[in-house]
Protein backbone atom coordinates (compact mmCIF):
# COMPACT_ATOMS: atom_id res chain seq x y z
CA MET A 1 -3.98 -49.09 44.84
CA THR A 2 -2.53 -48.51 47.92
CA ARG A 3 -1.00 -44.90 47.08
CA GLY A 4 -4.33 -43.66 45.19
CA LEU A 5 -6.36 -44.37 48.42
CA GLU A 6 -3.56 -42.42 50.82
CA LEU A 7 -3.94 -40.13 48.11
CA LEU A 8 -7.68 -39.46 48.55
CA LEU A 9 -7.94 -39.53 52.13
CA GLY A 10 -5.32 -37.23 52.19
CA LEU A 11 -7.79 -34.92 49.28
CA LEU A 12 -10.76 -35.48 52.16
CA ALA A 13 -8.99 -34.95 55.51
CA VAL A 14 -7.80 -31.51 54.20
CA GLN A 15 -11.94 -30.19 52.58
CA ILE A 16 -12.91 -31.12 56.51
CA ALA A 17 -9.91 -29.35 58.02
CA MET A 18 -10.84 -26.31 56.10
CA VAL A 19 -14.94 -26.56 57.03
CA GLY A 20 -13.35 -26.70 61.23
CA VAL A 21 -11.62 -23.54 60.58
CA ALA A 22 -14.67 -21.88 58.94
CA HIS A 23 -16.56 -22.99 61.66
CA GLY A 24 -14.25 -21.76 63.92
CA PHE A 25 -15.43 -17.81 62.73
CA ALA A 26 -18.92 -18.65 62.12
CA PRO A 27 -21.79 -18.09 64.93
CA GLY A 28 -24.67 -20.72 64.74
CA PRO A 29 -25.00 -23.93 66.92
CA LEU A 30 -25.75 -25.50 63.23
CA LEU A 31 -22.29 -24.56 62.13
CA ALA A 32 -20.93 -25.55 65.62
CA ALA A 33 -22.49 -28.79 65.18
CA VAL A 34 -20.96 -29.52 61.34
CA GLY A 35 -17.60 -27.59 62.46
CA THR A 36 -17.29 -30.40 65.41
CA SER A 37 -18.54 -33.38 63.38
CA ALA A 38 -15.70 -32.02 60.62
CA LEU A 39 -12.82 -32.46 63.08
CA GLY A 40 -13.90 -35.60 64.09
CA LEU A 41 -13.93 -36.68 60.66
CA THR A 42 -10.55 -35.09 60.37
CA ALA A 43 -8.85 -37.20 62.79
CA LEU A 44 -10.79 -40.36 61.83
CA ALA A 45 -9.25 -39.60 58.11
CA VAL A 46 -5.62 -39.18 59.66
CA ALA A 47 -5.96 -41.77 61.79
CA THR A 48 -6.85 -44.19 58.30
CA ARG A 49 -4.22 -42.91 56.11
CA VAL A 50 -1.35 -43.61 58.77
CA LEU A 51 -2.91 -47.14 58.97
CA VAL A 52 -2.88 -47.53 55.64
CA LYS A 53 0.77 -46.26 55.39
CA LEU A 54 1.48 -48.88 58.13
CA VAL A 55 -0.02 -51.97 57.30
CA ALA A 56 -0.63 -52.16 53.21
CA PRO A 57 3.23 -52.58 52.48
CA HIS A 58 3.17 -55.60 54.69
CA LEU A 59 -0.30 -57.37 53.25
CA GLY A 60 1.77 -57.10 49.77
CA GLU A 61 5.10 -58.21 51.24
CA GLU A 62 2.79 -61.27 52.54
CA ARG A 63 1.01 -61.71 49.30
CA SER A 64 4.23 -61.52 47.47
CA TRP A 65 6.19 -63.82 50.34
CA ARG A 66 2.63 -66.34 49.30
CA GLY A 67 3.30 -65.29 45.25
CA LEU A 68 6.95 -67.07 46.07
CA ALA A 69 6.16 -69.72 47.78
CA ARG A 70 4.17 -71.25 45.38
CA ALA A 71 6.66 -70.91 42.83
CA LEU A 72 9.28 -72.91 45.14
CA PRO A 73 7.30 -75.15 47.23
CA GLY A 74 8.87 -75.91 50.55
CA LEU A 75 10.26 -72.48 50.95
CA GLU A 76 9.73 -71.38 55.14
CA VAL A 77 9.19 -67.52 55.60
CA GLN A 78 10.68 -66.58 58.83
CA THR A 79 9.13 -63.57 60.42
CA PHE A 80 10.54 -61.61 63.47
CA GLY A 81 7.18 -59.63 64.95
CA GLY A 82 6.92 -56.47 62.58
CA GLN A 83 10.59 -56.22 64.12
CA GLU A 84 12.20 -57.10 61.05
CA PRO A 85 11.54 -57.82 57.92
CA PRO A 86 10.43 -61.66 56.73
CA ARG A 87 13.38 -64.02 55.58
CA GLY A 88 12.98 -67.48 53.95
CA HIS A 89 14.49 -70.67 54.10
CA LEU A 90 14.64 -73.34 51.32
CA TRP A 91 16.11 -77.24 50.96
CA LEU A 92 16.41 -78.07 47.02
CA GLY A 93 17.82 -81.53 47.49
CA PRO A 94 21.13 -81.01 49.10
CA THR A 95 21.26 -77.43 48.75
CA ARG A 96 19.95 -74.86 51.02
CA VAL A 97 18.95 -71.27 50.30
CA THR A 98 18.34 -68.45 52.32
CA LEU A 99 16.82 -65.48 51.25
CA ARG A 100 17.83 -61.93 53.52
CA PRO A 101 16.53 -58.58 52.85
CA ALA A 102 19.02 -55.77 52.54
CA ASP A 103 18.00 -52.10 51.80
CA HIS A 104 15.94 -52.52 48.69
CA THR A 105 17.56 -55.41 47.54
CA PHE A 106 17.36 -59.78 48.22
CA LEU A 107 20.11 -61.26 48.85
CA VAL A 108 20.58 -64.98 48.44
CA HIS A 109 22.88 -67.26 49.32
CA VAL A 110 22.82 -70.82 48.03
CA HIS A 111 25.15 -73.52 49.61
CA ARG A 112 25.65 -77.13 48.48
CA VAL A 113 25.80 -79.68 51.40
CA ALA A 114 26.50 -83.05 49.52
CA PRO A 115 29.41 -85.75 49.88
CA GLU A 116 30.63 -84.98 46.48
CA ALA A 117 34.14 -83.58 47.17
CA SER A 118 34.12 -80.50 44.31
CA PRO A 119 37.28 -78.91 43.38
CA GLU A 120 38.13 -75.48 44.08
CA TRP A 121 36.11 -73.20 41.73
CA ARG A 122 35.77 -69.55 42.11
CA LEU A 123 33.91 -67.73 39.23
CA ASP A 124 33.14 -63.64 39.05
CA PRO A 125 31.00 -61.95 36.88
CA ALA A 126 34.12 -60.02 35.83
CA PRO A 127 36.17 -60.49 32.14
CA GLY A 128 39.07 -62.22 32.16
CA GLY A 129 39.01 -65.69 31.94
CA THR A 130 41.16 -67.69 30.43
CA THR A 131 39.03 -70.66 29.52
CA GLY A 132 39.34 -70.24 25.71
CA ASP A 133 35.84 -69.43 25.10
CA SER A 134 36.11 -66.27 23.54
CA GLU A 135 32.30 -65.43 24.58
CA LEU A 136 32.84 -66.96 28.36
CA ASP A 137 36.02 -65.26 29.07
CA ALA A 138 34.84 -61.69 27.84
CA ARG A 139 32.37 -61.78 30.61
CA VAL A 140 33.62 -63.84 33.22
CA THR A 141 36.64 -65.29 34.91
CA ILE A 142 36.74 -68.39 36.47
CA HIS A 143 39.56 -70.09 38.51
CA GLY A 144 40.38 -73.68 39.35
CA PRO A 145 42.34 -75.97 38.79
CA PRO A 146 43.04 -75.51 35.05
CA GLU A 147 43.09 -79.25 34.08
CA ALA A 148 39.29 -79.68 36.44
CA VAL A 149 38.06 -76.08 34.42
CA ALA A 150 38.91 -77.17 31.09
CA ALA A 151 38.30 -81.09 31.53
CA ALA A 152 34.80 -79.94 33.35
CA LEU A 153 33.19 -77.07 30.93
CA THR A 154 30.96 -78.41 28.98
CA PRO A 155 29.29 -76.22 26.80
CA ALA A 156 25.91 -76.91 28.23
CA LEU A 157 27.47 -75.97 31.62
CA ARG A 158 28.97 -73.02 29.73
CA GLY A 159 25.96 -71.77 28.47
CA ARG A 160 24.48 -71.70 31.83
CA ILE A 161 27.79 -69.86 33.79
CA LEU A 162 26.75 -67.02 30.86
CA THR A 163 22.83 -67.07 32.00
CA TRP A 164 23.23 -67.03 35.89
CA VAL A 165 26.79 -66.37 36.49
CA GLY A 166 26.91 -63.45 33.88
CA GLY A 167 24.30 -62.11 35.50
CA GLY A 168 25.94 -61.03 39.18
CA VAL A 169 26.17 -64.49 40.94
CA ARG A 170 29.92 -64.83 42.36
CA ILE A 171 30.32 -68.89 43.37
CA ARG A 172 33.51 -69.70 45.13
CA GLY A 173 33.22 -73.33 45.95
CA ALA A 174 30.49 -74.39 46.52
CA HIS A 175 28.71 -71.73 47.33
CA ALA A 176 26.93 -69.06 45.38
CA ALA A 177 25.55 -65.39 46.73
CA PHE A 178 23.78 -62.83 44.16
CA GLU A 179 21.37 -59.93 44.32
CA ALA A 180 17.61 -60.58 43.19
CA PRO A 181 16.23 -56.71 43.64
CA ARG A 182 12.87 -58.54 42.31
CA LEU A 183 12.81 -61.55 44.28
CA LEU A 184 9.27 -60.30 45.66
CA LYS A 185 7.85 -58.63 42.34
CA ALA A 186 8.75 -61.58 39.94
CA PRO A 187 8.93 -64.84 42.05
CA GLU A 188 8.26 -66.98 38.74
CA ASP A 189 11.59 -65.39 37.29
CA SER A 190 13.01 -65.56 40.78
CA ALA A 191 12.78 -68.70 41.69
CA ALA A 192 13.63 -69.59 37.86
CA ARG A 193 17.03 -68.24 38.77
CA ILE A 194 17.68 -69.80 42.13
CA GLN A 195 17.01 -73.78 40.61
CA ALA A 196 19.20 -72.93 38.08
CA VAL A 197 22.18 -71.81 39.98
CA ALA A 198 21.64 -74.72 42.96
CA ASP A 199 22.09 -76.92 39.63
CA LEU A 200 24.92 -75.12 38.08
CA LEU A 201 26.51 -75.79 41.26
CA ALA A 202 25.38 -79.54 41.61
CA ARG A 203 26.41 -79.43 37.68
CA LEU A 204 30.11 -78.14 38.51
CA ALA A 205 30.34 -80.28 41.74
CA ARG A 206 30.13 -83.49 39.44
CA ALA A 207 32.29 -82.37 36.99
CA PRO A 208 33.55 -84.66 34.83
CA THR A 209 37.79 -84.30 35.48
CA GLY A 210 40.52 -86.35 34.36
CA PRO A 211 42.24 -87.59 31.13
CA GLU A 212 39.45 -88.69 29.08
CA ALA A 213 37.17 -86.04 29.86
CA LEU A 214 40.38 -83.59 28.43
CA GLU A 215 40.75 -85.70 25.09
CA ALA A 216 36.82 -85.67 24.43
CA ALA A 217 37.15 -81.95 25.09
CA ALA A 218 40.02 -81.99 23.02
CA ARG A 219 38.49 -83.57 20.16
CA ASN A 220 35.50 -82.54 20.53
CA ASP A 221 34.22 -79.78 21.65
CA PRO A 222 32.33 -76.95 19.10
CA GLU A 223 34.64 -74.16 20.35
CA PRO A 224 38.39 -74.46 19.19
CA GLY A 225 39.88 -72.33 21.77
CA VAL A 226 38.80 -74.48 24.38
CA ARG A 227 39.77 -76.92 22.48
CA ALA A 228 43.41 -75.29 22.56
CA VAL A 229 43.42 -75.49 26.56
CA ALA A 230 41.82 -79.05 27.27
CA LEU A 231 44.70 -80.31 24.48
CA ARG A 232 47.50 -78.02 26.88
CA SER A 233 45.95 -79.31 29.32
CA LEU A 234 45.57 -82.57 28.93
CA LEU A 235 49.46 -82.86 27.55
CA ALA A 236 50.85 -80.95 30.50
CA THR A 237 49.02 -82.68 32.92
CA TYR A 238 49.39 -86.47 32.25
CA PRO A 239 52.26 -88.67 30.48
CA MET A 240 52.16 -88.52 26.31
CA THR A 241 50.35 -91.96 25.70
CA PRO A 242 50.12 -93.01 21.92
CA ALA A 243 47.18 -91.88 21.90
CA HIS A 244 47.37 -88.00 23.07
CA CYS A 245 50.53 -88.53 20.72
CA ALA A 246 48.07 -89.09 17.42
CA LEU A 247 45.56 -86.15 18.82
CA ALA A 248 48.88 -83.77 19.22
CA ARG A 249 49.84 -84.81 15.70
CA GLU A 250 46.05 -84.37 14.06
CA ALA A 251 46.14 -81.02 16.12
CA LEU A 252 48.99 -79.82 13.94
CA ASP A 253 46.41 -79.67 10.80
CA ALA A 254 43.81 -77.57 12.45
CA ALA A 255 43.14 -74.59 11.08
CA HIS A 256 42.75 -72.18 14.75
CA PRO A 257 46.10 -71.19 15.26
CA PRO A 258 46.12 -71.54 18.74
CA LEU A 259 45.34 -75.75 18.66
CA ARG A 260 47.98 -75.85 16.41
CA ARG A 261 50.67 -74.10 18.58
CA ALA A 262 49.25 -75.93 21.69
CA ALA A 263 50.29 -79.51 19.23
CA ALA A 264 53.12 -78.37 18.48
CA GLU A 265 54.59 -76.98 21.81
CA ALA A 266 53.63 -80.65 23.69
CA LEU A 267 55.38 -82.46 20.66
CA LEU A 268 58.55 -79.96 20.80
CA ALA A 269 59.77 -81.34 24.28
CA PRO A 270 60.36 -85.16 23.59
CA GLU A 271 61.01 -84.32 20.02
CA ALA A 272 63.33 -81.15 19.55
CA ASP A 273 61.86 -81.39 16.58
CA PRO A 274 62.91 -77.95 14.35
CA GLY A 275 59.95 -78.27 12.00
CA LEU A 276 57.82 -77.61 14.87
CA ALA A 277 59.42 -75.24 16.63
CA ARG A 278 59.49 -73.73 13.18
CA ARG A 279 55.84 -73.67 13.46
CA LEU A 280 55.65 -72.46 17.09
CA LEU A 281 57.77 -69.81 17.23
CA ALA A 282 56.22 -68.78 13.78
CA GLU A 283 52.20 -68.70 14.79
CA SER A 284 53.46 -67.38 18.10
CA LEU A 285 55.45 -64.40 16.84
CA ALA A 286 52.85 -63.72 13.95
CA GLU A 287 49.86 -64.30 16.71
CA GLY A 288 50.73 -60.94 18.45
CA ASP A 289 50.47 -62.47 21.65
CA PRO A 290 53.41 -61.43 24.25
CA ALA A 291 52.37 -64.27 26.72
CA GLU A 292 52.18 -66.85 23.59
CA GLN A 293 55.56 -65.86 22.26
CA ALA A 294 57.44 -65.79 25.87
CA HIS A 295 56.41 -69.51 26.03
CA ALA A 296 57.41 -70.42 22.81
CA LEU A 297 60.23 -68.56 22.69
CA GLY A 298 61.35 -69.99 26.53
CA LEU A 299 60.55 -73.60 24.99
CA ILE A 300 62.94 -73.19 21.61
CA PHE A 301 65.56 -71.78 23.44
CA ASP A 302 65.35 -74.91 26.20
CA ALA A 303 65.02 -77.60 23.14
CA LEU A 304 67.36 -76.85 20.50
CA PRO A 305 71.16 -75.77 20.37
CA ARG A 306 71.20 -71.92 20.50
CA ARG A 307 72.42 -71.68 16.90
CA GLN A 308 69.21 -73.30 15.42
CA SER A 309 67.32 -70.94 18.26
CA ARG A 310 68.95 -68.13 17.06
CA ARG A 311 67.99 -68.21 12.89
CA LEU A 312 64.48 -69.27 14.25
CA LEU A 313 63.96 -65.83 16.41
CA ARG A 314 65.21 -64.14 12.98
CA LEU A 315 62.42 -65.71 10.82
CA GLY A 316 60.01 -65.47 13.06
CA LEU A 317 60.92 -61.49 13.70
CA ALA A 318 60.40 -61.26 10.00
CA ARG A 319 56.33 -61.73 10.15
CA GLY A 320 53.98 -60.40 12.05
CA ARG A 321 52.93 -56.84 12.48
CA GLY A 322 51.92 -56.89 16.74
CA PRO A 323 53.52 -55.98 19.82
CA LEU A 324 57.04 -58.09 20.75
CA ALA A 325 57.27 -60.04 24.12
CA PRO A 326 59.98 -58.32 26.46
CA GLN A 327 61.43 -61.93 26.41
CA VAL A 328 61.43 -61.72 22.51
CA LEU A 329 63.28 -58.34 23.20
CA ALA A 330 66.26 -60.14 25.18
CA ARG A 331 67.08 -63.04 23.22
CA VAL A 332 68.04 -59.88 20.23
CA ASP A 333 71.62 -60.07 19.73
CA ALA A 334 73.23 -57.53 17.28
CA ASP A 335 73.28 -59.57 14.50
CA LEU A 336 69.58 -59.92 14.70
CA GLN A 337 69.26 -55.59 14.78
CA ASP A 338 68.13 -55.25 11.65
CA ALA A 339 64.81 -58.02 11.51
CA LEU A 340 64.10 -56.61 14.85
CA LEU A 341 63.92 -52.68 13.34
CA ASN A 342 62.22 -53.97 9.94
CA ARG A 343 59.45 -55.83 12.61
CA LEU A 344 59.27 -52.76 14.48
CA GLU A 345 58.19 -50.79 11.33
CA ARG A 346 55.10 -52.83 10.60
CA CYS A 347 54.23 -52.68 14.44
CA GLU A 348 51.01 -50.19 14.73
CA SER A 349 51.89 -46.94 17.21
CA GLU A 350 49.87 -48.46 20.13
CA ALA A 351 52.65 -51.68 20.15
CA LEU A 352 55.78 -49.63 20.11
CA VAL A 353 54.61 -47.34 23.05
CA ALA A 354 54.36 -50.25 24.61
CA LEU A 355 57.17 -52.00 23.50
CA VAL A 356 59.48 -48.53 24.53
CA PRO A 357 59.89 -49.68 28.40
CA ALA A 358 61.13 -53.02 27.59
CA LEU A 359 63.36 -52.06 25.00
CA ALA A 360 65.02 -49.22 27.40
CA GLU A 361 65.54 -52.24 29.69
CA HIS A 362 67.37 -54.80 27.58
CA GLN A 363 69.40 -52.27 26.19
CA GLN A 364 68.17 -51.58 22.69
CA GLN A 365 69.75 -48.87 21.74
CA ALA A 366 69.21 -48.88 17.64
CA ALA A 367 65.89 -49.70 17.65
CA LEU A 368 64.77 -46.81 20.03
CA LEU A 369 66.93 -44.37 17.98
CA ALA A 370 64.09 -46.05 14.82
CA LEU A 371 61.58 -45.51 17.21
CA ALA A 372 63.20 -41.49 18.18
CA ARG A 373 62.63 -40.82 14.27
CA HIS A 374 59.32 -42.34 14.04
CA ARG A 375 56.57 -39.68 12.60
CA HIS A 376 54.45 -39.90 15.58
CA ALA A 377 55.01 -37.73 18.77
CA GLU A 378 53.38 -40.36 20.59
CA VAL A 379 56.01 -42.92 19.65
CA SER A 380 59.11 -40.28 19.67
CA ILE A 381 58.83 -38.73 22.66
CA PRO A 382 58.56 -41.88 24.99
CA ALA A 383 61.43 -43.14 23.00
CA LEU A 384 63.10 -39.89 23.52
CA GLN A 385 62.65 -40.32 27.03
CA ALA A 386 63.92 -43.77 27.54
CA LEU A 387 66.87 -43.08 25.77
CA ALA A 388 67.96 -40.47 28.29
CA ALA A 389 68.29 -43.64 31.03
CA CYS A 390 70.29 -46.41 28.81
CA GLY A 391 71.68 -44.13 25.60
CA THR A 392 75.11 -44.11 25.17
CA LEU A 393 77.66 -41.65 24.08
CA GLU A 394 77.31 -43.53 19.88
CA ALA A 395 73.73 -41.90 20.26
CA VAL A 396 74.64 -38.22 20.17
CA ALA A 397 75.37 -38.06 17.00
CA PRO A 398 71.38 -39.98 15.67
CA LEU A 399 70.20 -37.46 18.44
CA LEU A 400 71.40 -34.54 16.75
CA ALA A 401 70.54 -36.11 13.15
CA VAL A 402 67.19 -36.31 14.47
CA ALA A 403 66.95 -32.74 16.12
CA ARG A 404 67.77 -31.55 12.59
CA SER A 405 65.47 -33.06 10.59
CA THR A 406 63.05 -32.05 12.50
CA TRP A 407 60.11 -29.11 12.21
CA ALA A 408 57.88 -29.77 15.40
CA PRO A 409 60.00 -27.69 18.55
CA SER A 410 58.93 -30.03 21.32
CA ARG A 411 60.59 -32.99 19.61
CA ARG A 412 63.87 -31.20 18.25
CA GLY A 413 64.23 -29.87 22.19
CA ALA A 414 63.68 -33.77 23.51
CA ALA A 415 66.71 -34.89 21.06
CA LEU A 416 68.75 -31.67 21.73
CA GLN A 417 68.19 -32.37 25.40
CA VAL A 418 68.84 -36.25 25.37
CA ALA A 419 72.24 -35.37 23.89
CA ARG A 420 73.38 -33.41 26.58
CA HIS A 421 72.05 -36.02 29.02
CA LEU A 422 73.75 -37.90 27.33
CA GLN A 423 76.99 -36.12 27.27
CA ALA A 424 77.37 -34.82 30.36
CA VAL A 425 76.70 -38.99 32.16
CA HIS A 426 79.55 -39.73 30.43
CA GLY A 427 81.97 -37.69 30.24
CA VAL A 428 81.53 -35.38 28.09
CA PRO A 429 81.46 -31.67 30.04
CA ALA A 430 80.53 -29.62 26.97
CA ARG A 431 76.61 -27.79 27.09
CA GLY A 432 74.68 -27.05 23.74
CA ALA A 433 76.80 -28.87 21.08
CA LEU A 434 75.42 -28.42 17.88
CA SER A 435 78.45 -29.64 15.82
CA THR A 436 79.83 -33.24 15.39
CA ALA A 437 83.33 -32.33 13.45
CA PRO A 438 86.27 -34.78 14.54
CA GLU A 439 87.93 -31.97 15.66
CA ASP A 440 86.03 -31.39 18.85
CA GLY A 441 86.05 -34.68 20.29
CA ALA A 442 84.60 -37.99 20.49
CA GLY A 443 80.78 -37.15 21.10
CA ARG A 444 81.69 -33.78 22.08
CA LEU A 445 78.99 -30.34 20.12
CA SER A 446 80.05 -27.01 20.28
CA ASP A 447 77.66 -24.24 19.91
CA ALA A 448 79.03 -23.08 16.57
């Protein structure tokens, strides 16, 4: 409405100005009077337009603040005599809310001042959390004491976090902050969001923690991932009581693999049961999560004799298709090379590319040579480059076989270049060899 009024007054001012200009070229007292009136009206129109432009926004803003005050009873608006935009302050019980304008939006700060000692929560509206709730972890990162996080995040609280924190609210301890671009234009929605964030801070401060809350989450939470995190936190933080041991044994038969792994992991340490270790490692390697694999492998090699651990590793390599953790490759000895190569044949190209640096770090030359013969260049070329850093003279003949068996110029050239590099590094000075006949010497190539 204000915009339309400004446009109308502007058109009137233009028309009157045109009459005033015409007066300057027309003789006669009547036209002179009309011109003088036109100039006066022009000045009045311009003054009115400026007045509307300066005053109308403040009148609309004041009306919006009154609407927000109705939605938030107790809101105090602080003005600065027109020098700065107004600010708002509000107490919601023990929670103080501050509304501060910034550019084209408002910054809302919610600070809970209460005697309860809340854990050091930190919630960010970005993915990467490890609560076990897949939807929550895909949108929010939550930091805090692991046992407190696992015990406190009830389904209702996770729903609140997804609704409000996932919308841009950042929480650090007892403080929350977010932007509210439509604070004054949508006072009811803004008031509901402020109330919800204040309530969320209160719920976090009063969230139950301790073994009872963890046990309840491990038994009853509808999300199996959350149950697994709660069970792992419970058994890693508190002593293994008979009730906790019974809970872990029940979880061994759960349908969710992470829950079974958490139970086997907890029971393995005090009992060193090979059956539990086999289940833990087999499922960890089949899952394809490198962090889970590394964790399970460390537990098994610490709990069982090395011979049993190596046997379990051989069985575990026979399952799954996903990537392997570098810690797994560090445990693969010469007699496990065949099992490793069979596992690599079932891996996807992306997993193999990610595995090449770890293979080079742990001197897995046979595996790198197998990858050098891979049908996809995005796997074979990085494998050849890795062999240049960790290969020995024993790799020269297989590299020459790769060069002879491929039609791709890039792969053939890379294989020959790596073979010549290994010869030069390991004391075979001849260059350009394409023959591995015995009379040429061990590993020596000739141009013939």
